[in-house]
Amino acid sequence: MSGSSPRPAIFDPGLQPERTALAWRRTGLVLAAGAVAALRLLPPILGAWTVAPVVLGIGTAVAIFYVAHRRHLAVQARLVGSDDDDPVPLPSGRLLAVVAATTCCYGIAAAVALWVLSG
């Protein structure tokens, strides 16, 4: 009897990691587009302070692109697997936490801006 057994299929052929990576890329693109729109729309209202949300948005978008790419590579390596005893760990939820925190900050900033402008 042979000691090796055929390797089971770990993931579905529906390209789920690729779909997830594309979703994160779309999230980064939307954030970058929002920052560019803020650069176009906010100077009459915020003046020089417009730079802060634009830089935060572009910086977060770049971070999302980078981390999403690394996350995709890690997930792909984990799903394809290796024969050694040290498997590649799955990524944590830090990317999701950063995006959620950034979204909350933008929402609070928008609410404060509306409150200040209406008063």
PDB file of N, CA and C in Angstrom:
ATOM      1  N   MET A   1       0.815  -1.190   0.000  1.00  0.00           N
ATOM      2  CA  MET A   1       0.000   0.000   0.000  1.00  0.00           C
ATOM      3  C   MET A   1       0.854   1.247   0.000  1.00  0.00           C
ATOM      4  N   SER A   2       0.446   2.174  -0.734  1.00  0.00           N
ATOM      5  CA  SER A   2       1.180   3.428  -0.847  1.00  0.00           C
ATOM      6  C   SER A   2       0.764   4.380   0.264  1.00  0.00           C
ATOM      7  N   GLY A   3       1.706   5.150   0.773  1.00  0.00           N
ATOM      8  CA  GLY A   3       1.423   6.088   1.852  1.00  0.00           C
ATOM      9  C   GLY A   3       0.820   7.402   1.374  1.00  0.00           C
ATOM     10  N   SER A   4       0.831   7.635   0.092  1.00  0.00           N
ATOM     11  CA  SER A   4       0.292   8.909  -0.398  1.00  0.00           C
ATOM     12  C   SER A   4      -1.136   8.707  -0.905  1.00  0.00           C
ATOM     13  N   SER A   5      -1.933   9.665  -0.617  1.00  0.00           N
ATOM     14  CA  SER A   5      -3.314   9.618  -1.096  1.00  0.00           C
ATOM     15  C   SER A   5      -3.547  10.828  -1.999  1.00  0.00           C
ATOM     16  N   PRO A   6      -4.493  10.717  -2.890  1.00  0.00           N
ATOM     17  CA  PRO A   6      -4.736  11.870  -3.758  1.00  0.00           C
ATOM     18  C   PRO A   6      -5.208  13.069  -2.948  1.00  0.00           C
ATOM     19  N   ARG A   7      -4.751  14.210  -3.359  1.00  0.00           N
ATOM     20  CA  ARG A   7      -5.076  15.451  -2.665  1.00  0.00           C
ATOM     21  C   ARG A   7      -6.518  15.861  -2.962  1.00  0.00           C
ATOM     22  N   PRO A   8      -7.330  16.137  -1.940  1.00  0.00           N
ATOM     23  CA  PRO A   8      -8.710  16.534  -2.207  1.00  0.00           C
ATOM     24  C   PRO A   8      -8.784  17.955  -2.758  1.00  0.00           C
ATOM     25  N   ALA A   9      -9.830  18.200  -3.503  1.00  0.00           N
ATOM     26  CA  ALA A   9     -10.046  19.556  -4.010  1.00  0.00           C
ATOM     27  C   ALA A   9     -10.469  20.442  -2.849  1.00  0.00           C
ATOM     28  N   ILE A  10      -9.707  21.512  -2.596  1.00  0.00           N
ATOM     29  CA  ILE A  10      -9.957  22.351  -1.436  1.00  0.00           C
ATOM     30  C   ILE A  10     -10.975  23.430  -1.741  1.00  0.00           C
ATOM     31  N   PHE A  11     -10.942  23.959  -2.917  1.00  0.00           N
ATOM     32  CA  PHE A  11     -11.836  25.069  -3.212  1.00  0.00           C
ATOM     33  C   PHE A  11     -12.638  24.801  -4.476  1.00  0.00           C
ATOM     34  N   ASP A  12     -13.734  25.512  -4.581  1.00  0.00           N
ATOM     35  CA  ASP A  12     -14.618  25.308  -5.726  1.00  0.00           C
ATOM     36  C   ASP A  12     -14.018  25.933  -6.976  1.00  0.00           C
ATOM     37  N   PRO A  13     -14.420  25.448  -8.138  1.00  0.00           N
ATOM     38  CA  PRO A  13     -13.875  26.005  -9.374  1.00  0.00           C
ATOM     39  C   PRO A  13     -14.530  27.327  -9.776  1.00  0.00           C
ATOM     40  N   GLY A  14     -15.332  27.912  -8.893  1.00  0.00           N
ATOM     41  CA  GLY A  14     -16.035  29.141  -9.213  1.00  0.00           C
ATOM     42  C   GLY A  14     -15.216  30.391  -9.034  1.00  0.00           C
ATOM     43  N   LEU A  15     -13.936  30.249  -8.781  1.00  0.00           N
ATOM     44  CA  LEU A  15     -13.010  31.378  -8.670  1.00  0.00           C
ATOM     45  C   LEU A  15     -13.396  32.361  -7.568  1.00  0.00           C
ATOM     46  N   GLN A  16     -13.820  31.853  -6.436  1.00  0.00           N
ATOM     47  CA  GLN A  16     -14.232  32.709  -5.323  1.00  0.00           C
ATOM     48  C   GLN A  16     -13.121  33.650  -4.860  1.00  0.00           C
ATOM     49  N   PRO A  17     -11.865  33.226  -4.744  1.00  0.00           N
ATOM     50  CA  PRO A  17     -10.825  34.183  -4.334  1.00  0.00           C
ATOM     51  C   PRO A  17     -10.661  35.328  -5.333  1.00  0.00           C
ATOM     52  N   GLU A  18     -10.801  35.022  -6.615  1.00  0.00           N
ATOM     53  CA  GLU A  18     -10.679  36.073  -7.623  1.00  0.00           C
ATOM     54  C   GLU A  18     -11.847  37.053  -7.529  1.00  0.00           C
ATOM     55  N   ARG A  19     -13.051  36.549  -7.278  1.00  0.00           N
ATOM     56  CA  ARG A  19     -14.204  37.440  -7.125  1.00  0.00           C
ATOM     57  C   ARG A  19     -14.025  38.341  -5.917  1.00  0.00           C
ATOM     58  N   THR A  20     -13.508  37.800  -4.826  1.00  0.00           N
ATOM     59  CA  THR A  20     -13.276  38.599  -3.633  1.00  0.00           C
ATOM     60  C   THR A  20     -12.215  39.663  -3.891  1.00  0.00           C
ATOM     61  N   ALA A  21     -11.140  39.293  -4.580  1.00  0.00           N
ATOM     62  CA  ALA A  21     -10.090  40.261  -4.896  1.00  0.00           C
ATOM     63  C   ALA A  21     -10.640  41.373  -5.785  1.00  0.00           C
ATOM     64  N   LEU A  22     -11.472  41.016  -6.748  1.00  0.00           N
ATOM     65  CA  LEU A  22     -12.070  42.039  -7.602  1.00  0.00           C
ATOM     66  C   LEU A  22     -12.993  42.956  -6.814  1.00  0.00           C
ATOM     67  N   ALA A  23     -13.715  42.410  -5.856  1.00  0.00           N
ATOM     68  CA  ALA A  23     -14.587  43.246  -5.024  1.00  0.00           C
ATOM     69  C   ALA A  23     -13.773  44.243  -4.208  1.00  0.00           C
ATOM     70  N   TRP A  24     -12.642  43.809  -3.659  1.00  0.00           N
ATOM     71  CA  TRP A  24     -11.792  44.741  -2.907  1.00  0.00           C
ATOM     72  C   TRP A  24     -11.203  45.797  -3.827  1.00  0.00           C
ATOM     73  N   ARG A  25     -10.851  45.413  -5.048  1.00  0.00           N
ATOM     74  CA  ARG A  25     -10.332  46.408  -5.997  1.00  0.00           C
ATOM     75  C   ARG A  25     -11.395  47.435  -6.353  1.00  0.00           C
ATOM     76  N   ARG A  26     -12.634  46.978  -6.529  1.00  0.00           N
ATOM     77  CA  ARG A  26     -13.725  47.929  -6.786  1.00  0.00           C
ATOM     78  C   ARG A  26     -13.917  48.864  -5.604  1.00  0.00           C
ATOM     79  N   THR A  27     -13.791  48.340  -4.391  1.00  0.00           N
ATOM     80  CA  THR A  27     -13.914  49.184  -3.203  1.00  0.00           C
ATOM     81  C   THR A  27     -12.833  50.267  -3.207  1.00  0.00           C
ATOM     82  N   GLY A  28     -11.607  49.886  -3.525  1.00  0.00           N
ATOM     83  CA  GLY A  28     -10.527  50.864  -3.605  1.00  0.00           C
ATOM     84  C   GLY A  28     -10.758  51.891  -4.704  1.00  0.00           C
ATOM     85  N   LEU A  29     -11.263  51.447  -5.848  1.00  0.00           N
ATOM     86  CA  LEU A  29     -11.546  52.377  -6.935  1.00  0.00           C
ATOM     87  C   LEU A  29     -12.636  53.374  -6.560  1.00  0.00           C
ATOM     88  N   VAL A  30     -13.673  52.891  -5.887  1.00  0.00           N
ATOM     89  CA  VAL A  30     -14.754  53.791  -5.471  1.00  0.00           C
ATOM     90  C   VAL A  30     -14.239  54.806  -4.465  1.00  0.00           C
ATOM     91  N   LEU A  31     -13.402  54.375  -3.554  1.00  0.00           N
ATOM     92  CA  LEU A  31     -12.838  55.302  -2.578  1.00  0.00           C
ATOM     93  C   LEU A  31     -11.945  56.346  -3.257  1.00  0.00           C
ATOM     94  N   ALA A  32     -11.144  55.915  -4.221  1.00  0.00           N
ATOM     95  CA  ALA A  32     -10.307  56.859  -4.959  1.00  0.00           C
ATOM     96  C   ALA A  32     -11.169  57.826  -5.770  1.00  0.00           C
ATOM     97  N   ALA A  33     -12.232  57.327  -6.380  1.00  0.00           N
ATOM     98  CA  ALA A  33     -13.127  58.201  -7.145  1.00  0.00           C
ATOM     99  C   ALA A  33     -13.825  59.201  -6.228  1.00  0.00           C
ATOM    100  N   GLY A  34     -14.199  58.765  -5.031  1.00  0.00           N
ATOM    101  CA  GLY A  34     -14.797  59.684  -4.064  1.00  0.00           C
ATOM    102  C   GLY A  34     -13.827  60.764  -3.631  1.00  0.00           C
ATOM    103  N   ALA A  35     -12.556  60.398  -3.491  1.00  0.00           N
ATOM    104  CA  ALA A  35     -11.545  61.392  -3.126  1.00  0.00           C
ATOM    105  C   ALA A  35     -11.336  62.404  -4.251  1.00  0.00           C
ATOM    106  N   VAL A  36     -11.348  61.937  -5.487  1.00  0.00           N
ATOM    107  CA  VAL A  36     -11.204  62.852  -6.624  1.00  0.00           C
ATOM    108  C   VAL A  36     -12.432  63.763  -6.719  1.00  0.00           C
ATOM    109  N   ALA A  37     -13.612  63.204  -6.475  1.00  0.00           N
ATOM    110  CA  ALA A  37     -14.823  64.033  -6.475  1.00  0.00           C
ATOM    111  C   ALA A  37     -14.766  65.068  -5.355  1.00  0.00           C
ATOM    112  N   ALA A  38     -14.251  64.670  -4.200  1.00  0.00           N
ATOM    113  CA  ALA A  38     -14.106  65.625  -3.096  1.00  0.00           C
ATOM    114  C   ALA A  38     -13.137  66.739  -3.469  1.00  0.00           C
ATOM    115  N   LEU A  39     -12.083  66.402  -4.185  1.00  0.00           N
ATOM    116  CA  LEU A  39     -11.132  67.410  -4.631  1.00  0.00           C
ATOM    117  C   LEU A  39     -11.796  68.418  -5.575  1.00  0.00           C
ATOM    118  N   ARG A  40     -12.755  67.949  -6.325  1.00  0.00           N
ATOM    119  CA  ARG A  40     -13.456  68.823  -7.271  1.00  0.00           C
ATOM    120  C   ARG A  40     -14.554  69.639  -6.590  1.00  0.00           C
ATOM    121  N   LEU A  41     -15.253  69.051  -5.623  1.00  0.00           N
ATOM    122  CA  LEU A  41     -16.448  69.681  -5.066  1.00  0.00           C
ATOM    123  C   LEU A  41     -16.243  70.445  -3.758  1.00  0.00           C
ATOM    124  N   LEU A  42     -15.262  70.072  -2.966  1.00  0.00           N
ATOM    125  CA  LEU A  42     -15.141  70.635  -1.627  1.00  0.00           C
ATOM    126  C   LEU A  42     -14.351  71.937  -1.483  1.00  0.00           C
ATOM    127  N   PRO A  43     -13.482  72.339  -2.400  1.00  0.00           N
ATOM    128  CA  PRO A  43     -12.727  73.577  -2.176  1.00  0.00           C
ATOM    129  C   PRO A  43     -13.573  74.815  -1.895  1.00  0.00           C
ATOM    130  N   PRO A  44     -14.721  75.037  -2.542  1.00  0.00           N
ATOM    131  CA  PRO A  44     -15.499  76.225  -2.186  1.00  0.00           C
ATOM    132  C   PRO A  44     -16.033  76.185  -0.752  1.00  0.00           C
ATOM    133  N   ILE A  45     -16.195  74.988  -0.209  1.00  0.00           N
ATOM    134  CA  ILE A  45     -16.765  74.840   1.129  1.00  0.00           C
ATOM    135  C   ILE A  45     -15.673  74.785   2.192  1.00  0.00           C
ATOM    136  N   LEU A  46     -14.655  73.955   1.962  1.00  0.00           N
ATOM    137  CA  LEU A  46     -13.629  73.724   2.979  1.00  0.00           C
ATOM    138  C   LEU A  46     -12.345  74.508   2.746  1.00  0.00           C
ATOM    139  N   GLY A  47     -12.156  75.028   1.573  1.00  0.00           N
ATOM    140  CA  GLY A  47     -10.922  75.746   1.287  1.00  0.00           C
ATOM    141  C   GLY A  47      -9.726  74.812   1.296  1.00  0.00           C
ATOM    142  N   ALA A  48      -8.691  75.209   2.014  1.00  0.00           N
ATOM    143  CA  ALA A  48      -7.463  74.414   2.072  1.00  0.00           C
ATOM    144  C   ALA A  48      -7.652  73.100   2.831  1.00  0.00           C
ATOM    145  N   TRP A  49      -8.682  73.020   3.657  1.00  0.00           N
ATOM    146  CA  TRP A  49      -8.942  71.789   4.415  1.00  0.00           C
ATOM    147  C   TRP A  49      -9.403  70.641   3.513  1.00  0.00           C
ATOM    148  N   THR A  50      -9.676  70.921   2.261  1.00  0.00           N
ATOM    149  CA  THR A  50     -10.074  69.875   1.312  1.00  0.00           C
ATOM    150  C   THR A  50      -8.976  68.835   1.155  1.00  0.00           C
ATOM    151  N   VAL A  51      -7.737  69.250   1.345  1.00  0.00           N
ATOM    152  CA  VAL A  51      -6.615  68.335   1.165  1.00  0.00           C
ATOM    153  C   VAL A  51      -6.705  67.142   2.123  1.00  0.00           C
ATOM    154  N   ALA A  52      -7.191  67.353   3.333  1.00  0.00           N
ATOM    155  CA  ALA A  52      -7.224  66.271   4.335  1.00  0.00           C
ATOM    156  C   ALA A  52      -8.078  65.086   3.884  1.00  0.00           C
ATOM    157  N   PRO A  53      -9.357  65.266   3.522  1.00  0.00           N
ATOM    158  CA  PRO A  53     -10.124  64.085   3.104  1.00  0.00           C
ATOM    159  C   PRO A  53      -9.628  63.487   1.794  1.00  0.00           C
ATOM    160  N   VAL A  54      -9.064  64.322   0.919  1.00  0.00           N
ATOM    161  CA  VAL A  54      -8.554  63.796  -0.349  1.00  0.00           C
ATOM    162  C   VAL A  54      -7.331  62.910  -0.101  1.00  0.00           C
ATOM    163  N   VAL A  55      -6.404  63.380   0.702  1.00  0.00           N
ATOM    164  CA  VAL A  55      -5.207  62.583   1.003  1.00  0.00           C
ATOM    165  C   VAL A  55      -5.593  61.313   1.760  1.00  0.00           C
ATOM    166  N   LEU A  56      -6.516  61.427   2.711  1.00  0.00           N
ATOM    167  CA  LEU A  56      -6.972  60.235   3.445  1.00  0.00           C
ATOM    168  C   LEU A  56      -7.627  59.236   2.505  1.00  0.00           C
ATOM    169  N   GLY A  57      -8.459  59.716   1.603  1.00  0.00           N
ATOM    170  CA  GLY A  57      -9.128  58.821   0.661  1.00  0.00           C
ATOM    171  C   GLY A  57      -8.174  58.144  -0.297  1.00  0.00           C
ATOM    172  N   ILE A  58      -7.268  58.913  -0.887  1.00  0.00           N
ATOM    173  CA  ILE A  58      -6.296  58.331  -1.817  1.00  0.00           C
ATOM    174  C   ILE A  58      -5.363  57.370  -1.083  1.00  0.00           C
ATOM    175  N   GLY A  59      -4.918  57.762   0.104  1.00  0.00           N
ATOM    176  CA  GLY A  59      -4.045  56.877   0.886  1.00  0.00           C
ATOM    177  C   GLY A  59      -4.731  55.570   1.260  1.00  0.00           C
ATOM    178  N   THR A  60      -5.978  55.657   1.658  1.00  0.00           N
ATOM    179  CA  THR A  60      -6.717  54.444   2.003  1.00  0.00           C
ATOM    180  C   THR A  60      -6.951  53.586   0.769  1.00  0.00           C
ATOM    181  N   ALA A  61      -7.235  54.207  -0.365  1.00  0.00           N
ATOM    182  CA  ALA A  61      -7.438  53.444  -1.602  1.00  0.00           C
ATOM    183  C   ALA A  61      -6.171  52.697  -2.000  1.00  0.00           C
ATOM    184  N   VAL A  62      -5.027  53.370  -1.905  1.00  0.00           N
ATOM    185  CA  VAL A  62      -3.758  52.710  -2.234  1.00  0.00           C
ATOM    186  C   VAL A  62      -3.494  51.551  -1.264  1.00  0.00           C
ATOM    187  N   ALA A  63      -3.774  51.786   0.017  1.00  0.00           N
ATOM    188  CA  ALA A  63      -3.591  50.716   1.006  1.00  0.00           C
ATOM    189  C   ALA A  63      -4.509  49.534   0.713  1.00  0.00           C
ATOM    190  N   ILE A  64      -5.744  49.818   0.305  1.00  0.00           N
ATOM    191  CA  ILE A  64      -6.682  48.741  -0.022  1.00  0.00           C
ATOM    192  C   ILE A  64      -6.172  47.945  -1.218  1.00  0.00           C
ATOM    193  N   PHE A  65      -5.692  48.628  -2.256  1.00  0.00           N
ATOM    194  CA  PHE A  65      -5.151  47.919  -3.415  1.00  0.00           C
ATOM    195  C   PHE A  65      -3.998  47.008  -3.011  1.00  0.00           C
ATOM    196  N   TYR A  66      -3.088  47.535  -2.212  1.00  0.00           N
ATOM    197  CA  TYR A  66      -1.909  46.758  -1.802  1.00  0.00           C
ATOM    198  C   TYR A  66      -2.296  45.563  -0.925  1.00  0.00           C
ATOM    199  N   VAL A  67      -3.089  45.830   0.100  1.00  0.00           N
ATOM    200  CA  VAL A  67      -3.453  44.761   1.040  1.00  0.00           C
ATOM    201  C   VAL A  67      -4.350  43.731   0.362  1.00  0.00           C
ATOM    202  N   ALA A  68      -5.249  44.172  -0.502  1.00  0.00           N
ATOM    203  CA  ALA A  68      -6.122  43.232  -1.206  1.00  0.00           C
ATOM    204  C   ALA A  68      -5.316  42.317  -2.122  1.00  0.00           C
ATOM    205  N   HIS A  69      -4.301  42.863  -2.761  1.00  0.00           N
ATOM    206  CA  HIS A  69      -3.453  42.028  -3.617  1.00  0.00           C
ATOM    207  C   HIS A  69      -2.691  40.995  -2.784  1.00  0.00           C
ATOM    208  N   ARG A  70      -2.123  41.441  -1.681  1.00  0.00           N
ATOM    209  CA  ARG A  70      -1.403  40.506  -0.796  1.00  0.00           C
ATOM    210  C   ARG A  70      -2.346  39.462  -0.213  1.00  0.00           C
ATOM    211  N   ARG A  71      -3.562  39.901   0.131  1.00  0.00           N
ATOM    212  CA  ARG A  71      -4.559  38.978   0.682  1.00  0.00           C
ATOM    213  C   ARG A  71      -4.915  37.924  -0.354  1.00  0.00           C
ATOM    214  N   HIS A  72      -5.105  38.340  -1.587  1.00  0.00           N
ATOM    215  CA  HIS A  72      -5.435  37.395  -2.650  1.00  0.00           C
ATOM    216  C   HIS A  72      -4.326  36.361  -2.830  1.00  0.00           C
ATOM    217  N   LEU A  73      -3.077  36.813  -2.817  1.00  0.00           N
ATOM    218  CA  LEU A  73      -1.957  35.876  -2.951  1.00  0.00           C
ATOM    219  C   LEU A  73      -1.918  34.895  -1.789  1.00  0.00           C
ATOM    220  N   ALA A  74      -2.183  35.379  -0.568  1.00  0.00           N
ATOM    221  CA  ALA A  74      -2.158  34.490   0.604  1.00  0.00           C
ATOM    222  C   ALA A  74      -3.286  33.466   0.549  1.00  0.00           C
ATOM    223  N   VAL A  75      -4.471  33.907   0.168  1.00  0.00           N
ATOM    224  CA  VAL A  75      -5.604  32.981   0.085  1.00  0.00           C
ATOM    225  C   VAL A  75      -5.346  31.947  -1.006  1.00  0.00           C
ATOM    226  N   GLN A  76      -4.835  32.389  -2.141  1.00  0.00           N
ATOM    227  CA  GLN A  76      -4.551  31.465  -3.231  1.00  0.00           C
ATOM    228  C   GLN A  76      -3.504  30.440  -2.803  1.00  0.00           C
ATOM    229  N   ALA A  77      -2.463  30.896  -2.104  1.00  0.00           N
ATOM    230  CA  ALA A  77      -1.429  29.969  -1.629  1.00  0.00           C
ATOM    231  C   ALA A  77      -2.017  28.976  -0.630  1.00  0.00           C
ATOM    232  N   ARG A  78      -2.926  29.443   0.205  1.00  0.00           N
ATOM    233  CA  ARG A  78      -3.542  28.555   1.195  1.00  0.00           C
ATOM    234  C   ARG A  78      -4.443  27.527   0.517  1.00  0.00           C
ATOM    235  N   LEU A  79      -5.200  27.965  -0.477  1.00  0.00           N
ATOM    236  CA  LEU A  79      -6.125  27.050  -1.138  1.00  0.00           C
ATOM    237  C   LEU A  79      -5.414  26.039  -2.022  1.00  0.00           C
ATOM    238  N   VAL A  80      -4.370  26.478  -2.701  1.00  0.00           N
ATOM    239  CA  VAL A  80      -3.619  25.547  -3.530  1.00  0.00           C
ATOM    240  C   VAL A  80      -2.860  24.584  -2.643  1.00  0.00           C
ATOM    241  N   GLY A  81      -2.367  25.109  -1.518  1.00  0.00           N
ATOM    242  CA  GLY A  81      -1.743  24.264  -0.503  1.00  0.00           C
ATOM    243  C   GLY A  81      -0.330  23.867  -0.837  1.00  0.00           C
ATOM    244  N   SER A  82       0.294  23.399   0.175  1.00  0.00           N
ATOM    245  CA  SER A  82       1.645  22.873   0.027  1.00  0.00           C
ATOM    246  C   SER A  82       1.743  21.615   0.868  1.00  0.00           C
ATOM    247  N   ASP A  83       2.762  20.844   0.624  1.00  0.00           N
ATOM    248  CA  ASP A  83       2.907  19.569   1.320  1.00  0.00           C
ATOM    249  C   ASP A  83       3.645  19.671   2.645  1.00  0.00           C
ATOM    250  N   ASP A  84       4.164  20.838   2.966  1.00  0.00           N
ATOM    251  CA  ASP A  84       4.910  20.948   4.218  1.00  0.00           C
ATOM    252  C   ASP A  84       3.958  21.085   5.407  1.00  0.00           C
ATOM    253  N   ASP A  85       4.513  21.002   6.595  1.00  0.00           N
ATOM    254  CA  ASP A  85       3.707  21.047   7.810  1.00  0.00           C
ATOM    255  C   ASP A  85       3.370  22.457   8.259  1.00  0.00           C
ATOM    256  N   ASP A  86       3.897  23.462   7.590  1.00  0.00           N
ATOM    257  CA  ASP A  86       3.674  24.853   7.965  1.00  0.00           C
ATOM    258  C   ASP A  86       2.767  25.522   6.928  1.00  0.00           C
ATOM    259  N   PRO A  87       1.440  25.407   7.101  1.00  0.00           N
ATOM    260  CA  PRO A  87       0.543  25.986   6.099  1.00  0.00           C
ATOM    261  C   PRO A  87       0.542  27.507   6.163  1.00  0.00           C
ATOM    262  N   VAL A  88       0.203  28.109   5.056  1.00  0.00           N
ATOM    263  CA  VAL A  88       0.104  29.561   4.981  1.00  0.00           C
ATOM    264  C   VAL A  88      -1.135  29.994   5.757  1.00  0.00           C
ATOM    265  N   PRO A  89      -1.018  30.913   6.713  1.00  0.00           N
ATOM    266  CA  PRO A  89      -2.193  31.320   7.481  1.00  0.00           C
ATOM    267  C   PRO A  89      -3.157  32.138   6.626  1.00  0.00           C
ATOM    268  N   LEU A  90      -4.422  32.014   6.932  1.00  0.00           N
ATOM    269  CA  LEU A  90      -5.413  32.823   6.236  1.00  0.00           C
ATOM    270  C   LEU A  90      -5.321  34.258   6.721  1.00  0.00           C
ATOM    271  N   PRO A  91      -5.661  35.225   5.864  1.00  0.00           N
ATOM    272  CA  PRO A  91      -5.582  36.627   6.254  1.00  0.00           C
ATOM    273  C   PRO A  91      -6.596  36.967   7.345  1.00  0.00           C
ATOM    274  N   SER A  92      -6.269  37.995   8.103  1.00  0.00           N
ATOM    275  CA  SER A  92      -7.165  38.427   9.176  1.00  0.00           C
ATOM    276  C   SER A  92      -8.193  39.406   8.622  1.00  0.00           C
ATOM    277  N   GLY A  93      -9.001  39.953   9.500  1.00  0.00           N
ATOM    278  CA  GLY A  93     -10.031  40.893   9.098  1.00  0.00           C
ATOM    279  C   GLY A  93      -9.601  42.346   9.206  1.00  0.00           C
ATOM    280  N   ARG A  94      -8.310  42.606   9.221  1.00  0.00           N
ATOM    281  CA  ARG A  94      -7.827  43.990   9.359  1.00  0.00           C
ATOM    282  C   ARG A  94      -8.260  44.876   8.201  1.00  0.00           C
ATOM    283  N   LEU A  95      -8.254  44.347   6.988  1.00  0.00           N
ATOM    284  CA  LEU A  95      -8.648  45.147   5.831  1.00  0.00           C
ATOM    285  C   LEU A  95     -10.095  45.603   5.970  1.00  0.00           C
ATOM    286  N   LEU A  96     -10.954  44.700   6.344  1.00  0.00           N
ATOM    287  CA  LEU A  96     -12.355  45.050   6.551  1.00  0.00           C
ATOM    288  C   LEU A  96     -12.505  46.078   7.665  1.00  0.00           C
ATOM    289  N   ALA A  97     -11.744  45.936   8.738  1.00  0.00           N
ATOM    290  CA  ALA A  97     -11.816  46.890   9.849  1.00  0.00           C
ATOM    291  C   ALA A  97     -11.358  48.284   9.424  1.00  0.00           C
ATOM    292  N   VAL A  98     -10.305  48.367   8.623  1.00  0.00           N
ATOM    293  CA  VAL A  98      -9.813  49.667   8.152  1.00  0.00           C
ATOM    294  C   VAL A  98     -10.846  50.327   7.245  1.00  0.00           C
ATOM    295  N   VAL A  99     -11.433  49.563   6.345  1.00  0.00           N
ATOM    296  CA  VAL A  99     -12.439  50.129   5.448  1.00  0.00           C
ATOM    297  C   VAL A  99     -13.668  50.583   6.238  1.00  0.00           C
ATOM    298  N   ALA A 100     -14.107  49.794   7.213  1.00  0.00           N
ATOM    299  CA  ALA A 100     -15.255  50.185   8.028  1.00  0.00           C
ATOM    300  C   ALA A 100     -14.953  51.441   8.846  1.00  0.00           C
ATOM    301  N   ALA A 101     -13.767  51.522   9.428  1.00  0.00           N
ATOM    302  CA  ALA A 101     -13.400  52.704  10.213  1.00  0.00           C
ATOM    303  C   ALA A 101     -13.315  53.943   9.330  1.00  0.00           C
ATOM    304  N   THR A 102     -12.744  53.796   8.140  1.00  0.00           N
ATOM    305  CA  THR A 102     -12.658  54.927   7.221  1.00  0.00           C
ATOM    306  C   THR A 102     -14.045  55.388   6.797  1.00  0.00           C
ATOM    307  N   THR A 103     -14.924  54.451   6.519  1.00  0.00           N
ATOM    308  CA  THR A 103     -16.290  54.795   6.135  1.00  0.00           C
ATOM    309  C   THR A 103     -16.999  55.529   7.263  1.00  0.00           C
ATOM    310  N   CYS A 104     -16.820  55.066   8.482  1.00  0.00           N
ATOM    311  CA  CYS A 104     -17.427  55.752   9.641  1.00  0.00           C
ATOM    312  C   CYS A 104     -16.871  57.164   9.797  1.00  0.00           C
ATOM    313  N   CYS A 105     -15.574  57.319   9.624  1.00  0.00           N
ATOM    314  CA  CYS A 105     -14.966  58.656   9.732  1.00  0.00           C
ATOM    315  C   CYS A 105     -15.512  59.601   8.671  1.00  0.00           C
ATOM    316  N   TYR A 106     -15.636  59.115   7.451  1.00  0.00           N
ATOM    317  CA  TYR A 106     -16.203  59.951   6.391  1.00  0.00           C
ATOM    318  C   TYR A 106     -17.658  60.299   6.687  1.00  0.00           C
ATOM    319  N   GLY A 107     -18.422  59.338   7.203  1.00  0.00           N
ATOM    320  CA  GLY A 107     -19.815  59.617   7.543  1.00  0.00           C
ATOM    321  C   GLY A 107     -19.942  60.660   8.638  1.00  0.00           C
ATOM    322  N   ILE A 108     -19.120  60.548   9.662  1.00  0.00           N
ATOM    323  CA  ILE A 108     -19.144  61.530  10.753  1.00  0.00           C
ATOM    324  C   ILE A 108     -18.709  62.899  10.245  1.00  0.00           C
ATOM    325  N   ALA A 109     -17.671  62.922   9.410  1.00  0.00           N
ATOM    326  CA  ALA A 109     -17.208  64.198   8.853  1.00  0.00           C
ATOM    327  C   ALA A 109     -18.287  64.837   7.983  1.00  0.00           C
ATOM    328  N   ALA A 110     -19.005  64.033   7.214  1.00  0.00           N
ATOM    329  CA  ALA A 110     -20.082  64.574   6.373  1.00  0.00           C
ATOM    330  C   ALA A 110     -21.215  65.116   7.236  1.00  0.00           C
ATOM    331  N   ALA A 111     -21.559  64.408   8.313  1.00  0.00           N
ATOM    332  CA  ALA A 111     -22.620  64.874   9.207  1.00  0.00           C
ATOM    333  C   ALA A 111     -22.214  66.189   9.883  1.00  0.00           C
ATOM    334  N   VAL A 112     -20.984  66.285  10.340  1.00  0.00           N
ATOM    335  CA  VAL A 112     -20.502  67.522  10.968  1.00  0.00           C
ATOM    336  C   VAL A 112     -20.501  68.663   9.956  1.00  0.00           C
ATOM    337  N   ALA A 113     -20.053  68.393   8.735  1.00  0.00           N
ATOM    338  CA  ALA A 113     -20.033  69.439   7.702  1.00  0.00           C
ATOM    339  C   ALA A 113     -21.439  69.928   7.394  1.00  0.00           C
ATOM    340  N   LEU A 114     -22.394  69.021   7.307  1.00  0.00           N
ATOM    341  CA  LEU A 114     -23.777  69.426   7.068  1.00  0.00           C
ATOM    342  C   LEU A 114     -24.328  70.230   8.236  1.00  0.00           C
ATOM    343  N   TRP A 115     -23.982  69.829   9.453  1.00  0.00           N
ATOM    344  CA  TRP A 115     -24.466  70.550  10.645  1.00  0.00           C
ATOM    345  C   TRP A 115     -23.878  71.958  10.676  1.00  0.00           C
ATOM    346  N   VAL A 116     -22.585  72.087  10.374  1.00  0.00           N
ATOM    347  CA  VAL A 116     -21.926  73.395  10.385  1.00  0.00           C
ATOM    348  C   VAL A 116     -22.478  74.279   9.265  1.00  0.00           C
ATOM    349  N   LEU A 117     -22.656  73.714   8.093  1.00  0.00           N
ATOM    350  CA  LEU A 117     -23.130  74.498   6.949  1.00  0.00           C
ATOM    351  C   LEU A 117     -24.597  74.915   7.089  1.00  0.00           C
ATOM    352  N   SER A 118     -25.388  74.100   7.776  1.00  0.00           N
ATOM    353  CA  SER A 118     -26.810  74.441   7.915  1.00  0.00           C
ATOM    354  C   SER A 118     -27.047  75.439   9.040  1.00  0.00           C
ATOM    355  N   GLY A 119     -26.102  75.586   9.952  1.00  0.00           N
ATOM    356  CA  GLY A 119     -26.270  76.463  11.113  1.00  0.00           C
ATOM    357  C   GLY A 119     -25.703  77.787  10.899  1.00  0.00           C
TER     358      GLY A 119
END
